[in-house]
Amino acid sequence: MAERKHGVPAPPTETSIVSADWDGREIVNETHHRVLFQDVDMTEVVDRGSTFEECVFGNVRFNVSVHENVRFLNCTFRRCSFFDTTFTDCKLTGSMFDGCSYGLLKVSRGDWSYVGLPGADLRGSVFEEVRLREADLTGARLANAELRRSDLSGAWLHSADLTGADLRGSVLDGLDPHTVQLKGAVIDPFQATVVAEALGLDVRG
């Protein structure tokens, strides 16, 4: 089981929703606090403006779901499926993903700071204009992913695979090119200077 940064335990849940069928449901401005969602089918759910705080999602299917202006604050996702899931302007600060599956994941804008995605297979995923400050991406597989115009300040990227990833416009301060795979990654001229300096090169005009 993946651990949260610094070994902080997940908050305890107080109520449970088990084996519910929410397939195709439209959710608007709902609020859930410390709820365990176990074996819930949220396929093709459309969620707008809801808040899930300190909730736990176990084996929940989020496939082909759409989330707009939704807040998942300090939540835990265990063995969930996110195939073709879209998050737009969502806030997931402090949330942890453990043993989840992804494919065609699309994240646009929003705040994913302090999110835990260690070892996540995010190949081909899209993160555009997303705040990922101090996110745990240790060992994450991001080959051919798009991380465009995102803020990765202080992100944990040790052993991450960024092969062929499009990183243009993103803040890469703190990226250690010695500890990540960057072959074929696409970067802009400013980022090239940052990476060169991180390699100990003396960049001059």
Foldseek 3Di string as FASTA:
>chain_A
DDAAPPRDDQDAADEEDECAECALPEAEAAEAERYEYYNYECHQYEYENYEYESYEYYQYENANYEYEQYEQELYEYEQYEHELYEYEQYEDDNYEYYNYAYHQYEYEEHEHESYEDDLYAQDQYEYENYEHDQYEDHLYEHDQYEQYLYEDHNHHQFNYEDHLYEYENYHPPPDQVVRYHHHNYHYDPVVVVVNCVSVVHDDDD
